[in-house]
Amino acid sequence: MHYAPVAQSSFVPPKPIRELRDLTRYRRKLVESQTAERNRLLKLLETANIKLASVATDVFGVSGRLMLEALVEGKATPQEMAELAKGRLCQKIDELGPALEGKLEEHHRFLLRLQLDRLEAAEKDLAVLEQRLQEKLKPYAEQLTLLDEIPGVDWTLAAVIIAELGVDMSVFGSVSQLASWAGVCPGNNESAGKRKSSRIPKGKEDRAGGGGQLGSESQGHLLAG
């Protein structure tokens, strides 16, 4: 087996970077929680034979939220709920009516209310966290600008890259060392002619979450900066 040399195991990013790391990792957890809650809500609608997702591109957009709230209240007819559509969704009112005709019972409305409340809370927490993250990123405006030039990198991914790798690339020395530290170094685990698992080592998943979205060209861009 061949291993690329890595940065010393004692490498510890400075405190501001560690704080950024806490924020970006918690943000990821909030986003994952939000996604899971949305999936549960969509599953609940399917259970009640509500086909809103088959007509509305974004069930959690402005129109979708109005219809979900109306479903919770249980007072409006399917046609009245369909007429809550805004923007381009107005063109699908005729399809929305039948899609909202399912059998939503009190049990479903109770769960739907809880799920909507949890989604709203998660969105508020996420907004507060992102505001804090933006403040903490101000000292790294130059690095953010450079990372933003890489195709496919937005500010959130740029924040993850800075939080996980820092801004001092000299501690890695080369693209290979950076890839190894990030947990995205190609594996070559072979024994007796048989290839073994080359999974990302445990403990590097968070680093790979950002680093894994960068190609060698992007890593070289970082090291050259």
Protein backbone atom coordinates (compact mmCIF):
# COMPACT_ATOMS: atom_id res chain seq x y z
CA MET A 1 0.00 0.00 0.00
CA HIS A 2 1.14 3.53 -0.74
CA TYR A 3 0.32 6.54 1.38
CA ALA A 4 0.85 10.20 0.60
CA PRO A 5 2.68 12.04 3.38
CA VAL A 6 0.30 14.00 5.56
CA ALA A 7 0.53 17.02 7.81
CA GLN A 8 1.65 16.21 11.32
CA SER A 9 -1.08 14.73 13.47
CA SER A 10 -0.46 17.49 16.01
CA PHE A 11 -1.64 20.12 13.52
CA VAL A 12 -4.32 22.21 15.23
CA PRO A 13 -5.93 25.17 13.41
CA PRO A 14 -5.99 28.52 15.24
CA LYS A 15 -8.95 29.32 17.47
CA PRO A 16 -10.87 31.48 14.93
CA ILE A 17 -10.75 28.62 12.43
CA ARG A 18 -11.86 26.10 15.06
CA GLU A 19 -14.82 28.33 15.90
CA LEU A 20 -15.70 28.54 12.21
CA ARG A 21 -15.53 24.76 12.06
CA ASP A 22 -18.03 24.46 14.92
CA LEU A 23 -20.42 26.76 13.09
CA THR A 24 -20.17 25.09 9.68
CA ARG A 25 -20.53 21.60 11.14
CA TYR A 26 -23.57 22.61 13.16
CA ARG A 27 -25.03 24.28 10.08
CA ARG A 28 -24.71 20.99 8.23
CA LYS A 29 -26.55 19.21 11.04
CA LEU A 30 -29.36 21.77 10.92
CA VAL A 31 -29.69 21.42 7.16
CA GLU A 32 -29.76 17.63 7.46
CA SER A 33 -32.42 17.88 10.17
CA GLN A 34 -34.47 20.25 8.04
CA THR A 35 -34.25 17.92 5.04
CA ALA A 36 -35.28 14.92 7.16
CA GLU A 37 -38.29 16.82 8.54
CA ARG A 38 -39.37 17.85 5.06
CA ASN A 39 -39.18 14.24 3.90
CA ARG A 40 -41.29 13.13 6.85
CA LEU A 41 -43.87 15.76 6.01
CA LEU A 42 -44.04 14.68 2.36
CA LYS A 43 -44.44 11.08 3.50
CA LEU A 44 -47.32 12.11 5.75
CA LEU A 45 -49.05 13.81 2.82
CA GLU A 46 -48.67 10.66 0.75
CA THR A 47 -50.19 8.63 3.57
CA ALA A 48 -53.23 10.92 3.46
CA ASN A 49 -53.33 10.67 -0.36
CA ILE A 50 -52.49 14.36 -0.77
CA LYS A 51 -50.63 14.68 -4.09
CA LEU A 52 -49.43 18.26 -3.70
CA ALA A 53 -45.82 17.30 -4.43
CA SER A 54 -46.79 15.88 -7.82
CA VAL A 55 -48.07 19.29 -8.96
CA ALA A 56 -46.07 21.89 -7.01
CA THR A 57 -42.36 21.97 -7.74
CA ASP A 58 -41.65 23.35 -4.28
CA VAL A 59 -44.10 22.20 -1.61
CA PHE A 60 -42.29 24.45 0.89
CA GLY A 61 -42.46 27.62 -1.17
CA VAL A 62 -44.89 30.48 -0.53
CA SER A 63 -47.84 28.78 -2.23
CA GLY A 64 -47.08 25.40 -0.73
CA ARG A 65 -46.85 26.80 2.81
CA LEU A 66 -50.23 28.52 2.44
CA MET A 67 -51.80 25.25 1.32
CA LEU A 68 -50.14 23.26 4.09
CA GLU A 69 -51.47 25.71 6.67
CA ALA A 70 -54.94 25.41 5.13
CA LEU A 71 -54.68 21.63 5.34
CA VAL A 72 -53.88 21.91 9.03
CA GLU A 73 -56.90 24.14 9.65
CA GLY A 74 -59.14 21.71 7.77
CA LYS A 75 -61.75 24.32 6.81
CA ALA A 76 -61.05 25.12 3.15
CA THR A 77 -62.21 22.98 0.24
CA PRO A 78 -59.61 21.54 -2.17
CA GLN A 79 -60.57 24.18 -4.74
CA GLU A 80 -60.25 27.00 -2.20
CA MET A 81 -56.80 25.72 -1.23
CA ALA A 82 -55.81 25.47 -4.89
CA GLU A 83 -56.69 29.14 -5.36
CA LEU A 84 -54.05 30.04 -2.75
CA ALA A 85 -51.46 29.42 -5.46
CA LYS A 86 -49.12 32.30 -6.24
CA GLY A 87 -46.92 33.12 -9.23
CA ARG A 88 -46.46 30.44 -11.88
CA LEU A 89 -48.30 27.87 -9.79
CA CYS A 90 -51.52 29.76 -10.63
CA GLN A 91 -51.31 28.09 -14.03
CA LYS A 92 -51.86 24.72 -12.35
CA ILE A 93 -54.95 25.51 -10.28
CA ASP A 94 -56.99 22.96 -12.21
CA GLU A 95 -54.45 20.28 -11.27
CA LEU A 96 -54.06 21.42 -7.67
CA GLY A 97 -57.70 20.90 -6.78
CA PRO A 98 -57.71 17.12 -7.37
CA ALA A 99 -54.23 16.82 -5.83
CA LEU A 100 -55.56 18.26 -2.56
CA GLU A 101 -58.61 16.03 -2.34
CA GLY A 102 -56.99 13.32 -0.21
CA LYS A 103 -58.25 12.05 3.13
CA LEU A 104 -56.55 14.18 5.78
CA GLU A 105 -57.80 13.13 9.19
CA GLU A 106 -57.35 14.82 12.59
CA HIS A 107 -54.38 12.56 13.29
CA HIS A 108 -52.65 13.78 10.11
CA ARG A 109 -53.41 17.42 10.87
CA PHE A 110 -51.92 17.06 14.36
CA LEU A 111 -48.66 15.66 12.98
CA LEU A 112 -48.60 18.16 10.13
CA ARG A 113 -48.87 21.03 12.63
CA LEU A 114 -45.91 19.71 14.62
CA GLN A 115 -43.83 19.21 11.49
CA LEU A 116 -44.51 22.71 10.19
CA ASP A 117 -43.60 24.18 13.58
CA ARG A 118 -40.34 22.22 13.64
CA LEU A 119 -39.49 23.36 10.12
CA GLU A 120 -40.12 26.99 11.04
CA ALA A 121 -37.93 26.68 14.13
CA ALA A 122 -35.13 25.05 12.11
CA GLU A 123 -35.31 27.82 9.51
CA LYS A 124 -35.04 30.50 12.19
CA ASP A 125 -32.08 28.75 13.84
CA LEU A 126 -30.41 28.40 10.46
CA ALA A 127 -30.85 32.09 9.71
CA VAL A 128 -29.31 33.07 13.07
CA LEU A 129 -26.42 30.65 12.57
CA GLU A 130 -25.69 31.88 9.05
CA GLN A 131 -25.64 35.48 10.26
CA ARG A 132 -23.07 34.51 12.89
CA LEU A 133 -21.10 32.60 10.27
CA GLN A 134 -21.03 35.62 7.96
CA GLU A 135 -19.64 37.76 10.79
CA LYS A 136 -16.92 35.23 11.59
CA LEU A 137 -15.96 35.04 7.91
CA LYS A 138 -15.27 38.77 7.54
CA PRO A 139 -11.51 38.41 8.24
CA TYR A 140 -11.33 35.90 5.38
CA ALA A 141 -12.98 38.02 2.68
CA GLU A 142 -9.97 37.69 0.37
CA GLN A 143 -9.91 33.88 0.66
CA LEU A 144 -13.69 33.72 0.12
CA THR A 145 -13.31 35.76 -3.07
CA LEU A 146 -10.61 33.42 -4.37
CA LEU A 147 -12.63 30.32 -3.56
CA ASP A 148 -15.70 31.83 -5.19
CA GLU A 149 -13.81 31.82 -8.50
CA ILE A 150 -13.79 28.02 -8.47
CA PRO A 151 -16.70 26.59 -10.49
CA GLY A 152 -19.31 25.00 -8.22
CA VAL A 153 -18.14 26.73 -5.03
CA ASP A 154 -20.62 29.06 -3.33
CA TRP A 155 -20.13 30.92 -0.09
CA THR A 156 -21.35 28.04 2.07
CA LEU A 157 -18.89 25.56 0.56
CA ALA A 158 -16.15 28.18 0.70
CA ALA A 159 -16.88 28.61 4.41
CA VAL A 160 -16.60 24.84 4.94
CA ILE A 161 -13.28 24.71 3.09
CA ILE A 162 -11.83 27.53 5.20
CA ALA A 163 -13.24 26.04 8.41
CA GLU A 164 -11.88 22.55 7.74
CA LEU A 165 -8.54 23.39 6.10
CA GLY A 166 -7.73 26.85 7.41
CA VAL A 167 -6.11 29.51 5.23
CA ASP A 168 -2.44 28.66 5.80
CA MET A 169 -1.72 26.08 3.12
CA SER A 170 1.97 25.95 4.03
CA VAL A 171 1.18 23.37 6.73
CA PHE A 172 0.32 20.89 3.98
CA GLY A 173 3.14 21.57 1.56
CA SER A 174 1.55 19.94 -1.47
CA VAL A 175 -1.76 19.04 -3.10
CA SER A 176 -1.20 15.37 -2.15
CA GLN A 177 -0.78 16.19 1.52
CA LEU A 178 -3.85 18.42 1.45
CA ALA A 179 -5.93 15.67 -0.20
CA SER A 180 -4.74 13.14 2.37
CA TRP A 181 -5.54 15.44 5.30
CA ALA A 182 -8.98 16.14 3.85
CA GLY A 183 -9.67 12.42 3.57
CA VAL A 184 -10.10 12.45 -0.21
CA CYS A 185 -6.76 10.89 -1.15
CA PRO A 186 -7.45 7.98 -3.56
CA GLY A 187 -7.12 4.67 -1.74
CA ASN A 188 -4.86 1.85 -2.88
CA ASN A 189 -5.61 -0.85 -0.35
CA GLU A 190 -4.76 -4.14 -2.05
CA SER A 191 -3.62 -7.44 -0.60
CA ALA A 192 -2.93 -10.74 -2.38
CA GLY A 193 -4.35 -9.32 -5.57
CA LYS A 194 -7.63 -8.33 -3.91
CA ARG A 195 -8.76 -4.77 -3.47
CA LYS A 196 -10.10 -3.91 -0.02
CA SER A 197 -12.38 -1.13 1.15
CA SER A 198 -11.08 2.39 0.52
CA ARG A 199 -13.64 4.21 2.59
CA ILE A 200 -12.91 7.61 4.06
CA PRO A 201 -11.21 7.05 7.44
CA LYS A 202 -13.43 7.60 10.45
CA GLY A 203 -12.98 11.10 11.82
CA LYS A 204 -12.34 12.64 8.40
CA GLU A 205 -15.95 12.72 7.21
CA ASP A 206 -16.39 16.39 8.10
CA ARG A 207 -13.23 17.38 6.25
CA ALA A 208 -14.20 15.31 3.24
CA GLY A 209 -17.63 16.91 3.26
CA GLY A 210 -16.07 20.07 1.90
CA GLY A 211 -12.86 18.80 0.42
CA GLY A 212 -14.60 16.01 -1.43
CA GLN A 213 -16.36 18.56 -3.62
CA LEU A 214 -13.09 19.94 -4.89
CA GLY A 215 -11.02 18.50 -7.70
CA SER A 216 -7.24 18.56 -7.93
CA GLU A 217 -7.46 21.82 -9.91
CA SER A 218 -9.30 23.48 -7.01
CA GLN A 219 -6.79 22.16 -4.47
CA GLY A 220 -3.96 23.52 -6.58
CA HIS A 221 -5.74 26.86 -6.69
CA LEU A 222 -5.83 26.91 -2.89
CA LEU A 223 -2.17 26.08 -2.54
CA ALA A 224 -1.19 28.70 -5.07
CA GLY A 225 -3.17 31.40 -3.21
